[in-house]
Amino acid sequence: EPPEDHPEHALLTELEAPPLNRPLVATSVKPKPI
C-alpha cells in the first residue's frame, strides 16, 4: 500500500518526494571586529 503522505493526484505522479533528514552543513563566519 502507498504511504499516507504519498500524492495520488494525476498531476503529481511524475514528481519525486523531497529528500528528508539531510544533515545541515554549516559554515563558520568570522565576525568582523567592532
All heavy atoms as atom14 arrays in JSON, in Angstrom:
{
  "sequence": "EPPEDHPEHALLTELEAPPLNRPLVATSVKPKPI",
  "atom14_mask": [
    [1, 1, 1, 1, 1, 1, 1, 1, 1, 0, 0, 0, 0, 0],
    [1, 1, 1, 1, 1, 1, 1, 0, 0, 0, 0, 0, 0, 0],
    [1, 1, 1, 1, 1, 1, 1, 0, 0, 0, 0, 0, 0, 0],
    [1, 1, 1, 1, 1, 1, 1, 1, 1, 0, 0, 0, 0, 0],
    [1, 1, 1, 1, 1, 1, 1, 1, 0, 0, 0, 0, 0, 0],
    [1, 1, 1, 1, 1, 1, 1, 1, 1, 1, 0, 0, 0, 0],
    [1, 1, 1, 1, 1, 1, 1, 0, 0, 0, 0, 0, 0, 0],
    [1, 1, 1, 1, 1, 1, 1, 1, 1, 0, 0, 0, 0, 0],
    [1, 1, 1, 1, 1, 1, 1, 1, 1, 1, 0, 0, 0, 0],
    [1, 1, 1, 1, 1, 0, 0, 0, 0, 0, 0, 0, 0, 0],
    [1, 1, 1, 1, 1, 1, 1, 1, 0, 0, 0, 0, 0, 0],
    [1, 1, 1, 1, 1, 1, 1, 1, 0, 0, 0, 0, 0, 0],
    [1, 1, 1, 1, 1, 1, 1, 0, 0, 0, 0, 0, 0, 0],
    [1, 1, 1, 1, 1, 1, 1, 1, 1, 0, 0, 0, 0, 0],
    [1, 1, 1, 1, 1, 1, 1, 1, 0, 0, 0, 0, 0, 0],
    [1, 1, 1, 1, 1, 1, 1, 1, 1, 0, 0, 0, 0, 0],
    [1, 1, 1, 1, 1, 0, 0, 0, 0, 0, 0, 0, 0, 0],
    [1, 1, 1, 1, 1, 1, 1, 0, 0, 0, 0, 0, 0, 0],
    [1, 1, 1, 1, 1, 1, 1, 0, 0, 0, 0, 0, 0, 0],
    [1, 1, 1, 1, 1, 1, 1, 1, 0, 0, 0, 0, 0, 0],
    [1, 1, 1, 1, 1, 1, 1, 1, 0, 0, 0, 0, 0, 0],
    [1, 1, 1, 1, 1, 1, 1, 1, 1, 1, 1, 0, 0, 0],
    [1, 1, 1, 1, 1, 1, 1, 0, 0, 0, 0, 0, 0, 0],
    [1, 1, 1, 1, 1, 1, 1, 1, 0, 0, 0, 0, 0, 0],
    [1, 1, 1, 1, 1, 1, 1, 0, 0, 0, 0, 0, 0, 0],
    [1, 1, 1, 1, 1, 0, 0, 0, 0, 0, 0, 0, 0, 0],
    [1, 1, 1, 1, 1, 1, 1, 0, 0, 0, 0, 0, 0, 0],
    [1, 1, 1, 1, 1, 1, 0, 0, 0, 0, 0, 0, 0, 0],
    [1, 1, 1, 1, 1, 1, 1, 0, 0, 0, 0, 0, 0, 0],
    [1, 1, 1, 1, 1, 1, 1, 1, 1, 0, 0, 0, 0, 0],
    [1, 1, 1, 1, 1, 1, 1, 0, 0, 0, 0, 0, 0, 0],
    [1, 1, 1, 1, 1, 1, 1, 1, 1, 0, 0, 0, 0, 0],
    [1, 1, 1, 1, 1, 1, 1, 0, 0, 0, 0, 0, 0, 0],
    [1, 1, 1, 1, 1, 1, 1, 1, 0, 0, 0, 0, 0, 0]
  ],
  "atom14_positions": [
    [[0.84, -1.2, 0.0], [0.0, 0.0, 0.0], [0.88, 1.26, 0.0], [1.92, 1.29, 0.66], [-0.89, -0.01, 1.24], [-1.9, -1.13, 1.27], [-2.97, -0.94, 0.21], [-3.2, 0.23, -0.2], [-3.54, -1.95, -0.24], [0.0, 0.0, 0.0], [0.0, 0.0, 0.0], [0.0, 0.0, 0.0], [0.0, 0.0, 0.0], [0.0, 0.0, 0.0]],
    [[0.5, 2.3, -0.74], [1.3, 3.55, -0.72], [1.21, 4.22, 0.66], [0.23, 4.04, 1.38], [0.63, 4.38, -1.8], [-0.77, 3.87, -1.88], [-0.69, 2.4, -1.6], [0.0, 0.0, 0.0], [0.0, 0.0, 0.0], [0.0, 0.0, 0.0], [0.0, 0.0, 0.0], [0.0, 0.0, 0.0], [0.0, 0.0, 0.0], [0.0, 0.0, 0.0]],
    [[2.27, 4.97, 1.06], [2.21, 5.67, 2.36], [1.12, 6.71, 2.37], [0.63, 7.15, 1.32], [3.6, 6.31, 2.47], [4.09, 6.42, 1.05], [3.5, 5.24, 0.33], [0.0, 0.0, 0.0], [0.0, 0.0, 0.0], [0.0, 0.0, 0.0], [0.0, 0.0, 0.0], [0.0, 0.0, 0.0], [0.0, 0.0, 0.0], [0.0, 0.0, 0.0]],
    [[0.75, 7.13, 3.6], [-0.38, 8.05, 3.74], [-0.1, 9.4, 3.09], [-1.01, 10.08, 2.63], [-0.72, 8.23, 5.22], [-1.22, 6.95, 5.88], [-1.57, 7.18, 7.34], [-1.39, 8.32, 7.8], [-2.04, 6.24, 8.0], [0.0, 0.0, 0.0], [0.0, 0.0, 0.0], [0.0, 0.0, 0.0], [0.0, 0.0, 0.0], [0.0, 0.0, 0.0]],
    [[1.2, 9.83, 3.14], [1.52, 11.15, 2.58], [1.91, 11.07, 1.1], [2.43, 12.03, 0.54], [2.64, 11.81, 3.37], [3.92, 10.97, 3.33], [3.84, 9.81, 2.9], [4.98, 11.49, 3.75], [0.0, 0.0, 0.0], [0.0, 0.0, 0.0], [0.0, 0.0, 0.0], [0.0, 0.0, 0.0], [0.0, 0.0, 0.0], [0.0, 0.0, 0.0]],
    [[1.71, 9.91, 0.46], [2.06, 9.75, -0.94], [1.03, 10.44, -1.82], [-0.16, 10.16, -1.72], [2.13, 8.26, -1.31], [2.59, 8.04, -2.74], [3.89, 8.19, -3.11], [1.9, 7.66, -3.86], [4.01, 7.94, -4.4], [2.8, 7.61, -4.88], [0.0, 0.0, 0.0], [0.0, 0.0, 0.0], [0.0, 0.0, 0.0], [0.0, 0.0, 0.0]],
    [[1.47, 11.37, -2.69], [0.48, 12.06, -3.53], [-0.08, 11.11, -4.59], [0.67, 10.4, -5.26], [1.3, 13.19, -4.17], [2.71, 12.71, -4.15], [2.82, 11.85, -2.92], [0.0, 0.0, 0.0], [0.0, 0.0, 0.0], [0.0, 0.0, 0.0], [0.0, 0.0, 0.0], [0.0, 0.0, 0.0], [0.0, 0.0, 0.0], [0.0, 0.0, 0.0]],
    [[-1.39, 11.13, -4.72], [-2.04, 10.24, -5.68], [-2.69, 10.99, -6.83], [-3.22, 10.38, -7.74], [-3.09, 9.39, -4.96], [-2.49, 8.47, -3.91], [-3.56, 7.61, -3.25], [-4.75, 7.85, -3.55], [-3.21, 6.74, -2.44], [0.0, 0.0, 0.0], [0.0, 0.0, 0.0], [0.0, 0.0, 0.0], [0.0, 0.0, 0.0], [0.0, 0.0, 0.0]],
    [[-2.63, 12.33, -6.78], [-3.27, 13.09, -7.84], [-2.49, 12.9, -9.14], [-1.26, 12.77, -9.15], [-3.32, 14.57, -7.48], [-4.26, 15.36, -8.34], [-3.89, 15.82, -9.59], [-5.53, 15.77, -8.13], [-4.9, 16.49, -10.11], [-5.92, 16.47, -9.25], [0.0, 0.0, 0.0], [0.0, 0.0, 0.0], [0.0, 0.0, 0.0], [0.0, 0.0, 0.0]],
    [[-3.19, 12.91, -10.25], [-2.56, 12.64, -11.55], [-1.49, 13.67, -11.89], [-0.49, 13.36, -12.54], [-3.63, 12.61, -12.65], [0.0, 0.0, 0.0], [0.0, 0.0, 0.0], [0.0, 0.0, 0.0], [0.0, 0.0, 0.0], [0.0, 0.0, 0.0], [0.0, 0.0, 0.0], [0.0, 0.0, 0.0], [0.0, 0.0, 0.0], [0.0, 0.0, 0.0]],
    [[-1.66, 14.92, -11.43], [-0.67, 15.96, -11.72], [0.63, 15.78, -10.94], [1.64, 16.38, -11.27], [-1.27, 17.33, -11.41], [-2.46, 17.76, -12.27], [-3.0, 19.1, -11.8], [-2.06, 17.83, -13.75], [0.0, 0.0, 0.0], [0.0, 0.0, 0.0], [0.0, 0.0, 0.0], [0.0, 0.0, 0.0], [0.0, 0.0, 0.0], [0.0, 0.0, 0.0]],
    [[0.6, 14.92, -9.91], [1.77, 14.77, -9.06], [2.47, 13.44, -9.25], [3.43, 13.15, -8.54], [1.34, 14.91, -7.59], [0.6, 16.2, -7.22], [0.2, 16.16, -5.76], [1.46, 17.42, -7.51], [0.0, 0.0, 0.0], [0.0, 0.0, 0.0], [0.0, 0.0, 0.0], [0.0, 0.0, 0.0], [0.0, 0.0, 0.0], [0.0, 0.0, 0.0]],
    [[2.0, 12.66, -10.2], [2.57, 11.31, -10.33], [4.02, 11.31, -10.78], [4.78, 10.4, -10.48], [1.73, 10.49, -11.32], [1.64, 11.21, -12.56], [0.33, 10.25, -10.77], [0.0, 0.0, 0.0], [0.0, 0.0, 0.0], [0.0, 0.0, 0.0], [0.0, 0.0, 0.0], [0.0, 0.0, 0.0], [0.0, 0.0, 0.0], [0.0, 0.0, 0.0]],
    [[4.45, 12.37, -11.51], [5.82, 12.4, -12.02], [6.78, 13.12, -11.07], [7.97, 13.22, -11.36], [5.83, 13.1, -13.39], [4.97, 12.44, -14.46], [5.45, 11.03, -14.74], [6.68, 10.8, -14.65], [4.61, 10.18, -15.06], [0.0, 0.0, 0.0], [0.0, 0.0, 0.0], [0.0, 0.0, 0.0], [0.0, 0.0, 0.0], [0.0, 0.0, 0.0]],
    [[6.28, 13.63, -9.96], [7.14, 14.37, -9.02], [7.84, 13.4, -8.08], [7.3, 12.36, -7.72], [6.32, 15.37, -8.21], [5.65, 16.49, -9.01], [4.88, 17.42, -8.07], [6.7, 17.29, -9.8], [0.0, 0.0, 0.0], [0.0, 0.0, 0.0], [0.0, 0.0, 0.0], [0.0, 0.0, 0.0], [0.0, 0.0, 0.0], [0.0, 0.0, 0.0]],
    [[9.05, 13.77, -7.69], [9.79, 12.99, -6.71], [9.65, 13.63, -5.33], [9.64, 14.86, -5.2], [11.26, 12.92, -7.1], [11.52, 12.16, -8.41], [13.0, 12.06, -8.69], [13.8, 12.55, -7.86], [13.35, 11.49, -9.75], [0.0, 0.0, 0.0], [0.0, 0.0, 0.0], [0.0, 0.0, 0.0], [0.0, 0.0, 0.0], [0.0, 0.0, 0.0]],
    [[9.56, 12.78, -4.37], [9.46, 13.29, -2.99], [10.74, 14.01, -2.6], [11.84, 13.6, -3.0], [9.19, 12.13, -2.03], [0.0, 0.0, 0.0], [0.0, 0.0, 0.0], [0.0, 0.0, 0.0], [0.0, 0.0, 0.0], [0.0, 0.0, 0.0], [0.0, 0.0, 0.0], [0.0, 0.0, 0.0], [0.0, 0.0, 0.0], [0.0, 0.0, 0.0]],
    [[10.66, 15.12, -1.86], [11.87, 15.85, -1.45], [12.7, 15.01, -0.47], [12.16, 14.2, 0.28], [11.32, 17.1, -0.77], [9.96, 16.69, -0.28], [9.44, 15.73, -1.31], [0.0, 0.0, 0.0], [0.0, 0.0, 0.0], [0.0, 0.0, 0.0], [0.0, 0.0, 0.0], [0.0, 0.0, 0.0], [0.0, 0.0, 0.0], [0.0, 0.0, 0.0]],
    [[14.0, 15.18, -0.49], [14.83, 14.42, 0.45], [14.56, 14.86, 1.88], [14.36, 16.05, 2.16], [16.26, 14.78, 0.01], [16.13, 16.1, -0.68], [14.77, 16.09, -1.34], [0.0, 0.0, 0.0], [0.0, 0.0, 0.0], [0.0, 0.0, 0.0], [0.0, 0.0, 0.0], [0.0, 0.0, 0.0], [0.0, 0.0, 0.0], [0.0, 0.0, 0.0]],
    [[14.54, 13.93, 2.78], [14.25, 14.22, 4.19], [15.47, 13.9, 5.04], [16.29, 13.04, 4.71], [13.05, 13.4, 4.67], [11.75, 13.62, 3.91], [10.66, 12.71, 4.45], [11.32, 15.07, 4.0], [0.0, 0.0, 0.0], [0.0, 0.0, 0.0], [0.0, 0.0, 0.0], [0.0, 0.0, 0.0], [0.0, 0.0, 0.0], [0.0, 0.0, 0.0]],
    [[15.57, 14.63, 6.17], [16.61, 14.37, 7.18], [18.03, 14.47, 6.62], [18.92, 13.72, 7.01], [16.42, 12.97, 7.8], [15.09, 12.85, 8.51], [14.62, 13.84, 9.07], [14.49, 11.69, 8.45], [0.0, 0.0, 0.0], [0.0, 0.0, 0.0], [0.0, 0.0, 0.0], [0.0, 0.0, 0.0], [0.0, 0.0, 0.0], [0.0, 0.0, 0.0]],
    [[18.19, 15.42, 5.69], [19.55, 15.66, 5.23], [20.35, 16.39, 6.31], [19.82, 17.3, 6.96], [19.53, 16.51, 3.96], [19.21, 15.71, 2.7], [19.44, 16.55, 1.47], [19.29, 15.78, 0.25], [19.48, 16.29, -0.96], [19.8, 17.56, -1.1], [19.32, 15.53, -2.02], [0.0, 0.0, 0.0], [0.0, 0.0, 0.0], [0.0, 0.0, 0.0]],
    [[21.6, 16.04, 6.49], [22.4, 16.74, 7.51], [22.62, 18.19, 7.1], [22.85, 18.5, 5.92], [23.71, 15.95, 7.53], [23.79, 15.29, 6.2], [22.36, 14.97, 5.82], [0.0, 0.0, 0.0], [0.0, 0.0, 0.0], [0.0, 0.0, 0.0], [0.0, 0.0, 0.0], [0.0, 0.0, 0.0], [0.0, 0.0, 0.0], [0.0, 0.0, 0.0]],
    [[22.52, 19.1, 8.09], [22.73, 20.52, 7.85], [24.22, 20.81, 7.87], [24.92, 20.52, 8.85], [22.0, 21.35, 8.91], [22.17, 22.86, 8.79], [21.56, 23.36, 7.48], [21.52, 23.56, 9.99], [0.0, 0.0, 0.0], [0.0, 0.0, 0.0], [0.0, 0.0, 0.0], [0.0, 0.0, 0.0], [0.0, 0.0, 0.0], [0.0, 0.0, 0.0]],
    [[24.71, 21.37, 6.81], [26.13, 21.71, 6.72], [26.26, 23.21, 6.99], [25.77, 24.04, 6.21], [26.7, 21.37, 5.33], [28.16, 21.76, 5.25], [26.52, 19.88, 5.05], [0.0, 0.0, 0.0], [0.0, 0.0, 0.0], [0.0, 0.0, 0.0], [0.0, 0.0, 0.0], [0.0, 0.0, 0.0], [0.0, 0.0, 0.0], [0.0, 0.0, 0.0]],
    [[26.86, 23.56, 8.1], [27.02, 24.96, 8.49], [28.46, 25.39, 8.32], [29.39, 24.64, 8.64], [26.59, 25.15, 9.95], [0.0, 0.0, 0.0], [0.0, 0.0, 0.0], [0.0, 0.0, 0.0], [0.0, 0.0, 0.0], [0.0, 0.0, 0.0], [0.0, 0.0, 0.0], [0.0, 0.0, 0.0], [0.0, 0.0, 0.0], [0.0, 0.0, 0.0]],
    [[28.65, 26.58, 7.8], [30.0, 27.12, 7.65], [30.17, 28.27, 8.63], [29.29, 29.12, 8.76], [30.21, 27.62, 6.21], [29.2, 28.6, 5.89], [30.12, 26.47, 5.23], [0.0, 0.0, 0.0], [0.0, 0.0, 0.0], [0.0, 0.0, 0.0], [0.0, 0.0, 0.0], [0.0, 0.0, 0.0], [0.0, 0.0, 0.0], [0.0, 0.0, 0.0]],
    [[31.26, 28.27, 9.31], [31.51, 29.33, 10.3], [31.92, 30.61, 9.59], [32.64, 30.59, 8.6], [32.6, 28.9, 11.27], [33.8, 28.64, 10.58], [0.0, 0.0, 0.0], [0.0, 0.0, 0.0], [0.0, 0.0, 0.0], [0.0, 0.0, 0.0], [0.0, 0.0, 0.0], [0.0, 0.0, 0.0], [0.0, 0.0, 0.0], [0.0, 0.0, 0.0]],
    [[31.42, 31.74, 10.13], [31.75, 33.06, 9.59], [32.49, 33.83, 10.68], [31.96, 34.02, 11.78], [30.49, 33.82, 9.15], [30.86, 35.21, 8.65], [29.74, 33.03, 8.09], [0.0, 0.0, 0.0], [0.0, 0.0, 0.0], [0.0, 0.0, 0.0], [0.0, 0.0, 0.0], [0.0, 0.0, 0.0], [0.0, 0.0, 0.0], [0.0, 0.0, 0.0]],
    [[33.66, 34.26, 10.38], [34.45, 35.0, 11.36], [33.87, 36.4, 11.53], [33.74, 37.16, 10.56], [35.91, 35.1, 10.9], [36.82, 35.72, 11.95], [38.27, 35.71, 11.46], [39.18, 36.31, 12.53], [40.6, 36.31, 12.08], [0.0, 0.0, 0.0], [0.0, 0.0, 0.0], [0.0, 0.0, 0.0], [0.0, 0.0, 0.0], [0.0, 0.0, 0.0]],
    [[33.45, 36.77, 12.75], [32.84, 38.09, 12.93], [33.86, 39.2, 12.71], [35.04, 39.06, 13.01], [32.37, 38.06, 14.4], [33.26, 37.05, 15.05], [33.57, 36.01, 14.0], [0.0, 0.0, 0.0], [0.0, 0.0, 0.0], [0.0, 0.0, 0.0], [0.0, 0.0, 0.0], [0.0, 0.0, 0.0], [0.0, 0.0, 0.0], [0.0, 0.0, 0.0]],
    [[33.37, 40.29, 12.16], [34.23, 41.44, 11.95], [34.49, 42.14, 13.29], [33.58, 42.3, 14.1], [33.58, 42.42, 10.97], [33.4, 41.86, 9.58], [32.78, 42.91, 8.65], [32.62, 42.35, 7.25], [32.02, 43.35, 6.34], [0.0, 0.0, 0.0], [0.0, 0.0, 0.0], [0.0, 0.0, 0.0], [0.0, 0.0, 0.0], [0.0, 0.0, 0.0]],
    [[35.71, 42.55, 13.53], [36.0, 43.24, 14.81], [35.26, 44.56, 14.89], [35.17, 45.3, 13.9], [37.52, 43.44, 14.76], [37.87, 43.4, 13.3], [36.9, 42.43, 12.68], [0.0, 0.0, 0.0], [0.0, 0.0, 0.0], [0.0, 0.0, 0.0], [0.0, 0.0, 0.0], [0.0, 0.0, 0.0], [0.0, 0.0, 0.0], [0.0, 0.0, 0.0]],
    [[34.72, 44.85, 16.07], [33.99, 46.09, 16.3], [34.94, 47.08, 16.97], [35.47, 46.79, 18.05], [32.76, 45.85, 17.18], [31.83, 44.85, 16.49], [32.02, 47.16, 17.46], [30.63, 44.47, 17.34], [0.0, 0.0, 0.0], [0.0, 0.0, 0.0], [0.0, 0.0, 0.0], [0.0, 0.0, 0.0], [0.0, 0.0, 0.0], [0.0, 0.0, 0.0]]
  ]
}
